[in-house]
Amino acid sequence: MKHYLVLAIGVISFGIHIQVFAQQKPNIVLILSDDAGYADFGFQGSEIMKTPNLDKLAAQGVIFKQAYVSAAVCGPSRAGILTGKYQQRFGFEENNVPGYMSKSSMHGDDMGLPLDQQTMGDYLRSLGYKTAIIGKWHQGNADRFHPLKRGFDEFYGFRGGARSYYEFNEGNPNRRKEDRLEHGFGNFYETKAYLTDAFADKAISFIEVNKDEPFFVFLSFNAVHTPMEPDHKDVSKFPNLKGKRQKLAAMTWSMDRACGRVLQKLKDLGLEENTLVIFTNDNGGPSDTNASVNTPLSGTKANHLEGGIRVPFLMRWPGVISANKTYSYPISTLDLLPTFFKAAGGDINNLLDIDGVNLLPYVLGENKERPHETLYWKKENRGAIRENDWKLLRFPDRPAELYNMSEDISETNNLASKHPNRMKAMYKKLFEWELTLERPKWQLLRKYEGKAMIRMDAYRK
């Protein structure tokens, strides 16, 4: 591991006093699950899902009780994570889908993270980190959006939003090119390993190769997103469950096992003490498609109720952050980038116009205030704003709703009629924020004849 010497020189009455101490840049590991339910982890209270490795991670660090994503679906949420910005500010409001071409473009597949946006990989690489993203990308299928052109030194995964967990072959054909398993850039070939295990294998390999220099690994699982394809050997561990719920439990078990293998490798290499680890999820669980459970939260993936936007979130940094802690104020996955950048020795002032904050002073108790007084969400005409403990939801087809989140995390007691002045003020604040955003670069229409159609004139440079 590289060492950086810091000299502190002070003049005292008997001469010059010099202090020299070594400082190591921490390694950073970000583990992201996909479409997991808020309640579907042992550390979140589940007695059905078995997640012993993540439960252990939770006990070794901090559980954030009110962690939010910036979007209720995968692509925009991940764009927010990668940039530390509300993704609507650069027009990434909808999920990107394959094949879209704007009127003014000859490229095709024009949906993707705009090229003028700096990513987490860009920032950490500027501080001397070796960077890798392993797993799901979902930030553009075209070559110009590729991870190796967006701040990452290594990529192993697939460019799209979901794919089979098993090898594509004659019996399991692939119908979308963005689902192909890619090694680096343009090198496509499948693995016979169960995909969750394959991603863990690659993360472990990257850690082993780069153990002597600071590294950043973004382990971006597609588990437990559909298709519901568990590792066959894990299904029998859940004999009391049936159907999708049994498959989800097996897929969650596989992902937890993969996380445990990566965490064990850090320990075996003597890197555990100098590695900041985050585990979280990209949006709320879709209770219909994968039988995930978000209780006690209402709502699900793709809406702005708590079940669509509040996610599990763990942080561990031995020797820096105490174990067995909880943090109760609202935070955002937008905070990941500035937190990593500061931990890596960067100057927060060098970050370009971000919306996230460095969480470390709050976690360490140096700052007793809320990291965010206000958080926002928007998708088309739907929107939401959380201001301290109050949350307003705006709908296109019915009156807005207001909830006190300190008393009603299940959002069952609509207080809109009792607080008209608060409603008005929060509605205005949400609207004023929306005026600062770019118009969506693409927009999905409602389903038409069974297919999601794309409004071609909605793409704007």
Protein backbone atom coordinates (compact mmCIF):
# COMPACT_ATOMS: atom_id res chain seq x y z
CA MET A 1 0.00 0.00 0.00
CA LYS A 2 1.30 3.45 -0.85
CA HIS A 3 2.13 5.68 2.10
CA TYR A 4 1.93 9.47 2.19
CA LEU A 5 3.94 11.40 4.76
CA VAL A 6 2.36 14.39 6.41
CA LEU A 7 4.62 16.84 8.24
CA ALA A 8 3.27 19.03 11.02
CA ILE A 9 5.80 21.70 12.03
CA GLY A 10 5.23 23.90 15.07
CA VAL A 11 7.52 26.49 16.66
CA ILE A 12 7.77 26.19 20.44
CA SER A 13 9.85 28.07 22.96
CA PHE A 14 12.66 25.53 22.94
CA GLY A 15 13.02 25.24 19.20
CA ILE A 16 11.19 23.54 16.34
CA HIS A 17 8.96 20.59 17.08
CA ILE A 18 8.41 18.24 14.13
CA GLN A 19 5.76 15.53 13.98
CA VAL A 20 5.86 12.91 11.26
CA PHE A 21 3.16 10.34 10.79
CA ALA A 22 2.16 8.04 7.98
CA GLN A 23 -1.21 8.19 6.30
CA GLN A 24 -2.57 5.51 4.00
CA LYS A 25 -5.17 6.09 1.35
CA PRO A 26 -8.01 3.67 2.03
CA ASN A 27 -9.24 1.18 -0.49
CA ILE A 28 -12.92 1.63 -1.36
CA VAL A 29 -15.41 -1.14 -2.12
CA LEU A 30 -18.96 -0.24 -3.14
CA ILE A 31 -21.36 -3.19 -3.34
CA LEU A 32 -24.72 -2.53 -4.95
CA SER A 33 -27.59 -5.00 -5.07
CA ASP A 34 -30.35 -4.63 -7.63
CA ASP A 35 -34.10 -4.46 -6.89
CA ALA A 36 -33.77 -5.89 -3.39
CA GLY A 37 -36.62 -5.36 -0.93
CA TYR A 38 -36.05 -3.03 1.99
CA ALA A 39 -37.00 -5.76 4.47
CA ASP A 40 -35.28 -8.68 2.74
CA PHE A 41 -32.07 -8.79 4.80
CA GLY A 42 -31.37 -10.17 8.24
CA PHE A 43 -29.93 -6.85 9.41
CA GLN A 44 -33.22 -5.24 8.34
CA GLY A 45 -35.21 -7.66 10.47
CA SER A 46 -36.05 -10.45 8.05
CA GLU A 47 -36.44 -13.90 9.56
CA ILE A 48 -36.93 -15.47 6.13
CA MET A 49 -34.01 -14.21 4.06
CA LYS A 50 -30.63 -15.51 5.14
CA THR A 51 -27.86 -12.93 4.85
CA PRO A 52 -25.21 -13.88 7.45
CA ASN A 53 -22.31 -12.13 5.73
CA LEU A 54 -24.13 -8.84 5.29
CA ASP A 55 -25.48 -9.13 8.84
CA LYS A 56 -21.89 -9.41 10.03
CA LEU A 57 -20.91 -6.40 7.95
CA ALA A 58 -23.77 -4.45 9.54
CA ALA A 59 -22.55 -5.35 13.03
CA GLN A 60 -19.04 -4.17 12.15
CA GLY A 61 -20.11 -0.70 11.10
CA VAL A 62 -23.10 1.61 10.68
CA ILE A 63 -26.66 0.87 9.58
CA PHE A 64 -28.31 3.92 8.04
CA LYS A 65 -32.00 3.86 8.88
CA GLN A 66 -33.12 6.48 6.36
CA ALA A 67 -31.01 6.04 3.23
CA TYR A 68 -32.54 7.20 -0.03
CA VAL A 69 -31.79 6.76 -3.72
CA SER A 70 -32.28 9.63 -6.16
CA ALA A 71 -34.63 7.64 -8.42
CA ALA A 72 -37.02 4.74 -8.01
CA VAL A 73 -35.68 2.82 -11.05
CA CYS A 74 -32.26 1.46 -11.92
CA GLY A 75 -30.71 3.60 -14.66
CA PRO A 76 -31.36 7.08 -13.24
CA SER A 77 -30.51 5.93 -9.72
CA ARG A 78 -27.13 4.63 -10.86
CA ALA A 79 -26.49 7.85 -12.80
CA GLY A 80 -27.01 9.75 -9.57
CA ILE A 81 -24.65 7.42 -7.69
CA LEU A 82 -21.92 7.76 -10.30
CA THR A 83 -22.07 11.57 -10.52
CA GLY A 84 -23.14 12.68 -7.07
CA LYS A 85 -25.81 14.81 -8.75
CA TYR A 86 -29.53 14.69 -9.19
CA GLN A 87 -29.56 12.99 -12.57
CA GLN A 88 -32.47 15.13 -13.75
CA ARG A 89 -30.02 18.03 -13.83
CA PHE A 90 -28.46 16.47 -16.93
CA GLY A 91 -31.65 15.01 -18.37
CA PHE A 92 -31.30 11.38 -17.22
CA GLU A 93 -34.82 11.02 -15.85
CA GLU A 94 -36.03 7.75 -17.38
CA ASN A 95 -34.52 4.29 -17.67
CA ASN A 96 -32.43 4.02 -20.82
CA VAL A 97 -33.58 1.33 -23.23
CA PRO A 98 -31.79 -0.28 -26.20
CA GLY A 99 -32.06 0.89 -29.77
CA TYR A 100 -33.17 4.47 -29.23
CA MET A 101 -31.90 6.98 -31.82
CA SER A 102 -32.59 10.70 -31.72
CA LYS A 103 -33.64 12.63 -34.81
CA SER A 104 -30.32 14.46 -34.94
CA SER A 105 -28.09 11.44 -34.44
CA MET A 106 -26.70 8.78 -36.74
CA HIS A 107 -25.31 6.71 -33.87
CA GLY A 108 -28.25 4.76 -32.48
CA ASP A 109 -28.50 3.82 -28.80
CA ASP A 110 -28.42 7.48 -27.80
CA MET A 111 -29.60 6.87 -24.26
CA GLY A 112 -26.75 6.98 -21.78
CA LEU A 113 -24.89 8.96 -19.13
CA PRO A 114 -24.00 12.24 -20.92
CA LEU A 115 -20.36 12.43 -21.87
CA ASP A 116 -19.85 15.79 -20.16
CA GLN A 117 -20.54 14.26 -16.74
CA GLN A 118 -17.65 13.20 -14.52
CA THR A 119 -18.06 9.90 -12.70
CA MET A 120 -16.96 8.43 -9.41
CA GLY A 121 -14.32 6.55 -11.38
CA ASP A 122 -12.99 9.77 -12.94
CA TYR A 123 -12.63 11.47 -9.57
CA LEU A 124 -10.97 8.57 -7.78
CA ARG A 125 -8.63 7.84 -10.67
CA SER A 126 -7.48 11.48 -10.49
CA LEU A 127 -6.38 10.72 -6.91
CA GLY A 128 -4.24 7.77 -7.96
CA TYR A 129 -6.77 4.97 -7.55
CA LYS A 130 -7.04 1.88 -9.70
CA THR A 131 -10.73 1.64 -10.59
CA ALA A 132 -13.03 -1.18 -11.68
CA ILE A 133 -16.73 -1.71 -12.22
CA ILE A 134 -17.88 -5.30 -12.16
CA GLY A 135 -21.41 -6.35 -13.09
CA LYS A 136 -24.29 -4.27 -14.37
CA TRP A 137 -23.56 -0.96 -16.14
CA HIS A 138 -26.93 0.32 -17.46
CA GLN A 139 -25.52 3.74 -18.34
CA GLY A 140 -25.62 3.40 -22.11
CA ASN A 141 -25.11 0.58 -24.59
CA ALA A 142 -23.18 2.50 -27.25
CA ASP A 143 -19.39 2.31 -27.25
CA ARG A 144 -18.99 5.98 -26.37
CA PHE A 145 -20.76 5.39 -23.03
CA HIS A 146 -18.56 2.41 -22.14
CA PRO A 147 -17.20 2.21 -18.54
CA LEU A 148 -13.60 2.17 -19.79
CA LYS A 149 -14.28 5.62 -21.26
CA ARG A 150 -15.97 6.87 -18.08
CA GLY A 151 -13.22 6.69 -15.49
CA PHE A 152 -12.85 2.96 -14.96
CA ASP A 153 -9.65 1.04 -15.65
CA GLU A 154 -11.36 -2.35 -15.76
CA PHE A 155 -14.80 -3.64 -16.66
CA TYR A 156 -16.28 -7.09 -16.44
CA GLY A 157 -20.02 -7.31 -16.84
CA PHE A 158 -22.79 -6.36 -19.23
CA ARG A 159 -23.89 -3.02 -20.62
CA GLY A 160 -27.65 -3.46 -20.26
CA GLY A 161 -30.10 -3.47 -17.38
CA ALA A 162 -30.82 -7.18 -16.85
CA ARG A 163 -29.77 -10.54 -18.21
CA SER A 164 -29.74 -14.27 -17.50
CA TYR A 165 -27.68 -15.54 -14.57
CA TYR A 166 -26.62 -18.48 -16.71
CA GLU A 167 -24.42 -18.88 -19.75
CA PHE A 168 -26.02 -17.93 -23.04
CA ASN A 169 -26.01 -20.93 -25.39
CA GLU A 170 -28.35 -22.80 -27.72
CA GLY A 171 -30.57 -23.78 -24.82
CA ASN A 172 -30.47 -20.29 -23.30
CA PRO A 173 -30.28 -17.89 -26.25
CA ASN A 174 -29.44 -14.20 -25.96
CA ARG A 175 -31.64 -11.84 -27.97
CA ARG A 176 -30.05 -8.53 -26.94
CA LYS A 177 -26.46 -7.61 -27.64
CA GLU A 178 -26.19 -5.41 -24.55
CA ASP A 179 -26.73 -8.52 -22.40
CA ARG A 180 -23.50 -10.17 -23.57
CA LEU A 181 -20.85 -10.74 -20.92
CA GLU A 182 -17.98 -8.40 -21.71
CA HIS A 183 -14.37 -8.61 -20.58
CA GLY A 184 -12.81 -5.16 -20.97
CA PHE A 185 -13.91 -3.47 -24.19
CA GLY A 186 -15.52 -5.44 -27.00
CA ASN A 187 -14.29 -8.80 -25.77
CA PHE A 188 -17.46 -10.85 -25.41
CA TYR A 189 -17.63 -14.40 -24.14
CA GLU A 190 -19.74 -16.23 -21.58
CA THR A 191 -18.84 -17.93 -18.33
CA LYS A 192 -20.09 -21.27 -17.12
CA ALA A 193 -20.20 -19.93 -13.56
CA TYR A 194 -23.40 -18.65 -11.99
CA LEU A 195 -23.23 -14.94 -12.77
CA THR A 196 -23.32 -13.68 -9.17
CA ASP A 197 -20.36 -15.93 -8.38
CA ALA A 198 -18.55 -14.84 -11.54
CA PHE A 199 -18.79 -11.20 -10.51
CA ALA A 200 -17.43 -12.01 -7.05
CA ASP A 201 -14.58 -13.99 -8.63
CA LYS A 202 -13.61 -11.01 -10.75
CA ALA A 203 -13.78 -8.60 -7.81
CA ILE A 204 -11.53 -10.89 -5.80
CA SER A 205 -9.08 -11.13 -8.68
CA PHE A 206 -8.97 -7.35 -9.05
CA ILE A 207 -8.32 -6.92 -5.33
CA GLU A 208 -5.52 -9.48 -5.39
CA VAL A 209 -3.79 -7.86 -8.36
CA ASN A 210 -4.07 -4.34 -6.95
CA LYS A 211 -3.51 -5.02 -3.27
CA ASP A 212 -0.36 -2.87 -3.13
CA GLU A 213 -1.99 0.33 -4.39
CA PRO A 214 -5.21 2.14 -3.52
CA PHE A 215 -8.14 0.70 -5.43
CA PHE A 216 -11.84 1.34 -5.94
CA VAL A 217 -14.15 -1.57 -6.79
CA PHE A 218 -17.75 -0.96 -7.75
CA LEU A 219 -19.29 -4.43 -7.46
CA SER A 220 -22.57 -3.81 -9.25
CA PHE A 221 -24.63 -6.98 -8.89
CA ASN A 222 -27.68 -7.62 -11.05
CA ALA A 223 -28.97 -9.79 -8.22
CA VAL A 224 -31.77 -9.89 -7.28
CA HIS A 225 -33.28 -8.36 -10.42
CA THR A 226 -35.35 -10.53 -12.73
CA PRO A 227 -35.15 -13.01 -14.39
CA MET A 228 -35.80 -15.17 -11.34
CA GLU A 229 -32.97 -17.63 -11.91
CA PRO A 230 -31.46 -18.90 -8.64
CA ASP A 231 -28.40 -21.05 -8.40
CA HIS A 232 -29.98 -24.50 -8.38
CA LYS A 233 -27.97 -25.70 -5.40
CA ASP A 234 -29.33 -22.88 -3.21
CA VAL A 235 -33.06 -23.44 -3.74
CA SER A 236 -33.20 -26.42 -1.36
CA LYS A 237 -32.10 -24.18 1.53
CA PHE A 238 -35.60 -22.68 1.58
CA PRO A 239 -38.02 -25.64 1.59
CA ASN A 240 -40.78 -23.71 3.34
CA LEU A 241 -41.03 -21.12 0.58
CA LYS A 242 -42.59 -21.44 -2.84
CA GLY A 243 -42.56 -19.77 -6.23
CA LYS A 244 -40.90 -16.40 -6.67
CA ARG A 245 -40.34 -15.99 -2.95
CA GLN A 246 -38.29 -19.19 -2.81
CA LYS A 247 -36.29 -18.14 -5.86
CA LEU A 248 -35.67 -14.71 -4.38
CA ALA A 249 -34.46 -16.21 -1.12
CA ALA A 250 -32.01 -18.44 -3.00
CA MET A 251 -30.77 -15.54 -5.14
CA THR A 252 -30.33 -13.39 -2.02
CA TRP A 253 -28.40 -16.20 -0.35
CA SER A 254 -26.10 -16.45 -3.38
CA MET A 255 -25.47 -12.72 -3.37
CA ASP A 256 -24.76 -12.70 0.37
CA ARG A 257 -22.31 -15.56 -0.09
CA ALA A 258 -20.58 -13.63 -2.88
CA CYS A 259 -20.32 -10.56 -0.66
CA GLY A 260 -18.83 -12.70 2.09
CA ARG A 261 -16.15 -14.05 -0.23
CA VAL A 262 -15.10 -10.54 -1.25
CA LEU A 263 -15.01 -9.34 2.35
CA GLN A 264 -13.02 -12.42 3.40
CA LYS A 265 -10.45 -11.72 0.69
CA LEU A 266 -9.91 -8.25 2.10
CA LYS A 267 -9.29 -9.82 5.49
CA ASP A 268 -6.99 -12.54 4.15
CA LEU A 269 -4.83 -9.95 2.38
CA GLY A 270 -4.60 -7.74 5.46
CA LEU A 271 -6.62 -4.99 3.77
CA GLU A 272 -9.73 -5.02 5.93
CA GLU A 273 -8.56 -2.32 8.33
CA ASN A 274 -7.74 0.08 5.51
CA THR A 275 -10.82 -0.44 3.35
CA LEU A 276 -14.03 1.58 3.37
CA VAL A 277 -16.92 -0.74 2.43
CA ILE A 278 -20.44 0.34 1.49
CA PHE A 279 -23.36 -1.96 0.78
CA THR A 280 -26.64 -0.58 -0.54
CA ASN A 281 -29.35 -1.11 -3.17
CA ASP A 282 -30.30 0.83 -6.30
CA ASN A 283 -34.05 1.30 -5.67
CA GLY A 284 -36.95 -0.23 -3.82
CA GLY A 285 -37.97 -3.82 -4.40
CA PRO A 286 -40.55 -4.62 -7.11
CA SER A 287 -42.89 -6.78 -5.10
CA ASP A 288 -44.71 -7.96 -8.21
CA THR A 289 -41.86 -9.18 -10.41
CA ASN A 290 -39.47 -10.63 -7.82
CA ALA A 291 -41.71 -10.99 -4.74
CA SER A 292 -39.54 -8.64 -2.69
CA VAL A 293 -40.84 -7.16 0.56
CA ASN A 294 -40.47 -3.51 1.58
CA THR A 295 -42.42 -3.53 4.86
CA PRO A 296 -43.02 -1.50 6.94
CA LEU A 297 -42.70 0.85 3.99
CA SER A 298 -45.53 1.32 1.54
CA GLY A 299 -44.93 1.42 -2.19
CA THR A 300 -42.58 -0.38 -4.51
CA LYS A 301 -40.01 0.13 -7.23
CA ALA A 302 -40.91 2.90 -9.71
CA ASN A 303 -42.97 5.04 -7.32
CA HIS A 304 -42.02 7.73 -4.81
CA LEU A 305 -43.52 6.15 -1.73
CA GLU A 306 -40.87 5.05 0.75
CA GLY A 307 -40.85 1.51 -0.61
CA GLY A 308 -39.64 2.82 -3.95
CA ILE A 309 -36.86 5.11 -2.75
CA ARG A 310 -35.66 4.09 0.73
CA VAL A 311 -32.97 1.40 0.69
CA PRO A 312 -30.74 -0.65 3.01
CA PHE A 313 -27.36 1.03 3.52
CA LEU A 314 -24.28 -0.17 5.44
CA MET A 315 -20.88 1.45 5.96
CA ARG A 316 -17.77 -0.13 7.50
CA TRP A 317 -14.32 1.40 8.00
CA PRO A 318 -12.50 -0.32 10.87
CA GLY A 319 -10.50 1.96 13.10
CA VAL A 320 -12.29 5.02 11.78
CA ILE A 321 -15.98 4.25 12.24
CA SER A 322 -17.21 2.48 15.37
CA ALA A 323 -19.03 -0.83 15.13
CA ASN A 324 -22.64 -1.54 16.04
CA LYS A 325 -23.88 1.94 15.22
CA THR A 326 -27.01 3.26 13.60
CA TYR A 327 -27.50 6.62 11.94
CA SER A 328 -31.02 7.99 11.82
CA TYR A 329 -31.00 11.20 9.78
CA PRO A 330 -31.84 10.95 6.06
CA ILE A 331 -28.94 10.48 3.68
CA SER A 332 -28.75 9.91 -0.08
CA THR A 333 -26.76 7.69 -2.41
CA LEU A 334 -25.70 11.02 -3.95
CA ASP A 335 -23.46 11.25 -0.88
CA LEU A 336 -21.31 8.31 -1.91
CA LEU A 337 -19.11 10.21 -4.36
CA PRO A 338 -18.12 13.09 -2.04
CA THR A 339 -17.64 10.67 0.86
CA PHE A 340 -15.29 8.51 -1.19
CA PHE A 341 -13.48 11.52 -2.64
CA LYS A 342 -12.81 13.00 0.79
CA ALA A 343 -11.78 9.65 2.29
CA ALA A 344 -9.33 9.26 -0.60
CA GLY A 345 -7.62 12.53 0.28
CA GLY A 346 -9.41 14.77 -2.20
CA ASP A 347 -10.43 18.37 -1.69
CA ILE A 348 -14.23 18.60 -1.70
CA ASN A 349 -13.92 22.03 -3.30
CA ASN A 350 -12.59 20.33 -6.41
CA LEU A 351 -15.82 18.42 -6.99
CA LEU A 352 -17.84 19.88 -9.82
CA ASP A 353 -21.25 21.14 -8.79
CA ILE A 354 -22.54 18.09 -6.90
CA ASP A 355 -25.59 17.60 -4.70
CA GLY A 356 -24.25 14.98 -2.31
CA VAL A 357 -22.33 15.65 0.90
CA ASN A 358 -19.40 13.97 2.63
CA LEU A 359 -21.00 11.72 5.25
CA LEU A 360 -17.93 11.13 7.39
CA PRO A 361 -18.29 14.16 9.72
CA TYR A 362 -21.89 13.15 10.40
CA VAL A 363 -21.11 9.50 11.03
CA LEU A 364 -18.19 10.38 13.28
CA GLY A 365 -20.30 12.78 15.32
CA GLU A 366 -18.31 15.84 14.31
CA ASN A 367 -21.39 17.40 12.73
CA LYS A 368 -24.64 16.99 14.64
CA GLU A 369 -26.82 18.60 11.97
CA ARG A 370 -28.77 16.80 9.25
CA PRO A 371 -26.75 16.00 6.12
CA HIS A 372 -29.79 17.09 4.08
CA GLU A 373 -32.66 19.29 5.14
CA THR A 374 -34.30 18.71 1.75
CA LEU A 375 -34.31 15.85 -0.74
CA TYR A 376 -36.11 15.73 -4.11
CA TRP A 377 -37.47 13.17 -6.57
CA LYS A 378 -39.02 13.59 -10.00
CA LYS A 379 -40.19 11.41 -12.86
CA GLU A 380 -42.35 13.02 -15.53
CA ASN A 381 -45.30 14.71 -13.76
CA ARG A 382 -44.76 12.83 -10.54
CA GLY A 383 -42.58 14.34 -7.87
CA ALA A 384 -41.74 14.25 -4.18
CA ILE A 385 -39.93 16.40 -1.68
CA ARG A 386 -38.77 15.57 1.82
CA GLU A 387 -38.12 18.60 4.01
CA ASN A 388 -36.79 17.57 7.41
CA ASP A 389 -39.45 15.09 8.65
CA TRP A 390 -42.19 16.13 6.22
CA LYS A 391 -42.73 14.52 2.84
CA LEU A 392 -44.99 15.70 0.03
CA LEU A 393 -45.93 13.51 -2.93
CA ARG A 394 -47.29 15.06 -6.11
CA PHE A 395 -49.33 13.06 -8.60
CA PRO A 396 -50.63 13.94 -12.08
CA ASP A 397 -54.08 12.46 -11.52
CA ARG A 398 -55.03 13.16 -7.89
CA PRO A 399 -54.35 15.62 -5.06
CA ALA A 400 -50.94 15.79 -3.46
CA GLU A 401 -50.34 13.96 -0.18
CA LEU A 402 -48.40 14.97 2.93
CA TYR A 403 -46.85 12.73 5.58
CA ASN A 404 -44.90 13.19 8.79
CA MET A 405 -42.10 10.66 8.39
CA SER A 406 -41.06 10.79 12.05
CA GLU A 407 -44.46 9.32 12.98
CA ASP A 408 -45.63 7.50 9.86
CA ILE A 409 -42.99 5.73 7.78
CA SER A 410 -45.73 3.58 6.23
CA GLU A 411 -47.37 6.71 4.78
CA THR A 412 -50.87 5.78 5.87
CA ASN A 413 -52.01 9.07 7.47
CA ASN A 414 -52.31 11.78 4.82
CA LEU A 415 -52.08 15.15 6.60
CA ALA A 416 -52.55 17.36 3.55
CA SER A 417 -55.89 18.79 4.66
CA LYS A 418 -54.56 19.61 8.12
CA HIS A 419 -51.48 21.57 6.97
CA PRO A 420 -52.45 23.61 3.89
CA ASN A 421 -49.74 26.23 4.43
CA ARG A 422 -47.02 23.62 4.70
CA MET A 423 -48.40 21.93 1.59
CA LYS A 424 -48.26 25.18 -0.34
CA ALA A 425 -44.71 25.99 0.76
CA MET A 426 -43.35 22.53 -0.01
CA TYR A 427 -45.16 22.36 -3.35
CA LYS A 428 -43.59 25.69 -4.30
CA LYS A 429 -40.13 24.53 -3.22
CA LEU A 430 -40.45 21.38 -5.32
CA PHE A 431 -41.52 23.44 -8.32
CA GLU A 432 -38.61 25.88 -7.86
CA TRP A 433 -36.18 22.94 -7.83
CA GLU A 434 -37.72 21.58 -11.02
CA LEU A 435 -37.07 24.89 -12.75
CA THR A 436 -33.32 24.27 -12.30
CA LEU A 437 -33.41 20.94 -14.16
CA GLU A 438 -32.78 20.09 -17.78
CA ARG A 439 -35.67 18.76 -19.79
CA PRO A 440 -35.54 14.95 -20.09
CA LYS A 441 -33.26 13.79 -22.89
CA TRP A 442 -35.71 10.98 -23.60
CA GLN A 443 -39.14 10.04 -22.36
CA LEU A 444 -41.08 6.80 -22.32
CA LEU A 445 -44.70 6.82 -23.33
CA ARG A 446 -47.37 4.76 -21.65
CA LYS A 447 -47.64 1.20 -22.91
CA TYR A 448 -49.14 1.05 -26.35
CA GLU A 449 -50.32 -2.21 -27.87
CA GLY A 450 -48.34 -4.12 -25.27
CA LYS A 451 -45.01 -2.42 -26.02
CA ALA A 452 -43.27 0.50 -24.33
CA MET A 453 -42.94 3.14 -27.05
CA ILE A 454 -40.42 5.98 -27.06
CA ARG A 455 -41.34 9.49 -28.01
CA MET A 456 -38.70 10.27 -30.60
CA ASP A 457 -39.02 14.05 -30.43
CA ALA A 458 -38.36 14.12 -26.70
CA TYR A 459 -34.60 13.70 -27.00
CA ARG A 460 -32.82 17.01 -26.57
CA LYS A 461 -29.13 17.68 -26.67
